[in-house]
Amino acid sequence: MLSKWKLEYKEKSQTAFSGNGNINKPEAKLAESERLIGQLYAENAFLKKVFSSLENKLQEHQKQIEGT
């Protein structure tokens, strides 16, 4: 395989290996979208936990105020 590439480069060095660079563009875009979805899912779960915790603390605080 390497010798084939070397021969191709010798014969037509200007056009050898001139791919358009977009072969994996749809796959890369999909992978980036999936990564972003995963990140947003994790952030959403974290925020739900924080909100629930703060809500519980607020309720406890209100009970303490009412009890005094």
C-alpha atoms as a PDB file:
ATOM      1  CA  MET A   1       0.000   0.000   0.000  1.00  0.00           C
ATOM      2  CA  LEU A   2       2.812   2.402   0.884  1.00  0.00           C
ATOM      3  CA  SER A   3       4.589   1.735  -2.393  1.00  0.00           C
ATOM      4  CA  LYS A   4       1.359   2.517  -4.261  1.00  0.00           C
ATOM      5  CA  TRP A   5       1.144   5.876  -2.468  1.00  0.00           C
ATOM      6  CA  LYS A   6       4.772   6.660  -3.217  1.00  0.00           C
ATOM      7  CA  LEU A   7       4.250   5.877  -6.905  1.00  0.00           C
ATOM      8  CA  GLU A   8       1.116   8.018  -7.028  1.00  0.00           C
ATOM      9  CA  TYR A   9       3.001  10.906  -5.429  1.00  0.00           C
ATOM     10  CA  LYS A  10       5.899  10.574  -7.903  1.00  0.00           C
ATOM     11  CA  GLU A  11       3.620  10.478 -10.931  1.00  0.00           C
ATOM     12  CA  LYS A  12       1.264  13.302  -9.989  1.00  0.00           C
ATOM     13  CA  SER A  13       2.474  15.100  -6.909  1.00  0.00           C
ATOM     14  CA  GLN A  14       0.142  18.099  -7.359  1.00  0.00           C
ATOM     15  CA  THR A  15      -3.058  16.052  -7.389  1.00  0.00           C
ATOM     16  CA  ALA A  16      -2.036  13.068  -5.283  1.00  0.00           C
ATOM     17  CA  PHE A  17      -4.128  12.648  -2.132  1.00  0.00           C
ATOM     18  CA  SER A  18      -6.340  15.625  -2.932  1.00  0.00           C
ATOM     19  CA  GLY A  19      -9.444  14.560  -1.071  1.00  0.00           C
ATOM     20  CA  ASN A  20     -12.190  17.076  -0.471  1.00  0.00           C
ATOM     21  CA  GLY A  21     -11.833  16.750   3.301  1.00  0.00           C
ATOM     22  CA  ASN A  22     -15.566  16.331   3.844  1.00  0.00           C
ATOM     23  CA  ILE A  23     -15.807  12.550   3.819  1.00  0.00           C
ATOM     24  CA  ASN A  24     -16.675  12.236   7.502  1.00  0.00           C
ATOM     25  CA  LYS A  25     -18.455  15.557   7.941  1.00  0.00           C
ATOM     26  CA  PRO A  26     -21.959  14.107   8.558  1.00  0.00           C
ATOM     27  CA  GLU A  27     -20.551  11.555  11.006  1.00  0.00           C
ATOM     28  CA  ALA A  28     -18.562  14.231  12.814  1.00  0.00           C
ATOM     29  CA  LYS A  29     -21.608  16.484  13.024  1.00  0.00           C
ATOM     30  CA  LEU A  30     -23.692  13.622  14.426  1.00  0.00           C
ATOM     31  CA  ALA A  31     -21.010  12.752  16.974  1.00  0.00           C
ATOM     32  CA  GLU A  32     -20.785  16.392  18.083  1.00  0.00           C
ATOM     33  CA  SER A  33     -24.584  16.573  18.413  1.00  0.00           C
ATOM     34  CA  GLU A  34     -24.648  13.386  20.476  1.00  0.00           C
ATOM     35  CA  ARG A  35     -21.862  14.727  22.710  1.00  0.00           C
ATOM     36  CA  LEU A  36     -23.774  17.955  23.221  1.00  0.00           C
ATOM     37  CA  ILE A  37     -26.998  16.081  24.028  1.00  0.00           C
ATOM     38  CA  GLY A  38     -25.132  13.990  26.605  1.00  0.00           C
ATOM     39  CA  GLN A  39     -23.605  17.077  28.168  1.00  0.00           C
ATOM     40  CA  LEU A  40     -26.980  18.832  28.346  1.00  0.00           C
ATOM     41  CA  TYR A  41     -28.587  15.726  29.837  1.00  0.00           C
ATOM     42  CA  ALA A  42     -25.937  15.606  32.584  1.00  0.00           C
ATOM     43  CA  GLU A  43     -26.278  19.343  33.281  1.00  0.00           C
ATOM     44  CA  ASN A  44     -30.060  19.038  33.439  1.00  0.00           C
ATOM     45  CA  ALA A  45     -29.862  16.148  35.915  1.00  0.00           C
ATOM     46  CA  PHE A  46     -27.397  18.124  38.064  1.00  0.00           C
ATOM     47  CA  LEU A  47     -29.631  21.207  38.070  1.00  0.00           C
ATOM     48  CA  LYS A  48     -32.671  19.122  39.033  1.00  0.00           C
ATOM     49  CA  LYS A  49     -30.774  17.746  42.028  1.00  0.00           C
ATOM     50  CA  VAL A  50     -29.597  21.196  43.096  1.00  0.00           C
ATOM     51  CA  PHE A  51     -33.090  22.645  42.716  1.00  0.00           C
ATOM     52  CA  SER A  52     -34.613  19.812  44.750  1.00  0.00           C
ATOM     53  CA  SER A  53     -32.018  20.261  47.474  1.00  0.00           C
ATOM     54  CA  LEU A  54     -32.574  24.020  47.644  1.00  0.00           C
ATOM     55  CA  GLU A  55     -36.327  23.537  47.680  1.00  0.00           C
ATOM     56  CA  ASN A  56     -36.024  21.151  50.651  1.00  0.00           C
ATOM     57  CA  LYS A  57     -33.774  23.575  52.525  1.00  0.00           C
ATOM     58  CA  LEU A  58     -36.226  26.421  51.890  1.00  0.00           C
ATOM     59  CA  GLN A  59     -39.105  24.330  53.251  1.00  0.00           C
ATOM     60  CA  GLU A  60     -37.062  23.445  56.361  1.00  0.00           C
ATOM     61  CA  HIS A  61     -36.172  27.092  56.859  1.00  0.00           C
ATOM     62  CA  GLN A  62     -39.816  28.141  56.546  1.00  0.00           C
ATOM     63  CA  LYS A  63     -40.819  25.506  59.111  1.00  0.00           C
ATOM     64  CA  GLN A  64     -38.183  26.824  61.514  1.00  0.00           C
ATOM     65  CA  ILE A  65     -39.466  30.369  61.078  1.00  0.00           C
ATOM     66  CA  GLU A  66     -43.063  29.280  61.665  1.00  0.00           C
ATOM     67  CA  GLY A  67     -42.049  27.311  64.751  1.00  0.00           C
ATOM     68  CA  THR A  68     -40.471  30.297  66.493  1.00  0.00           C
END
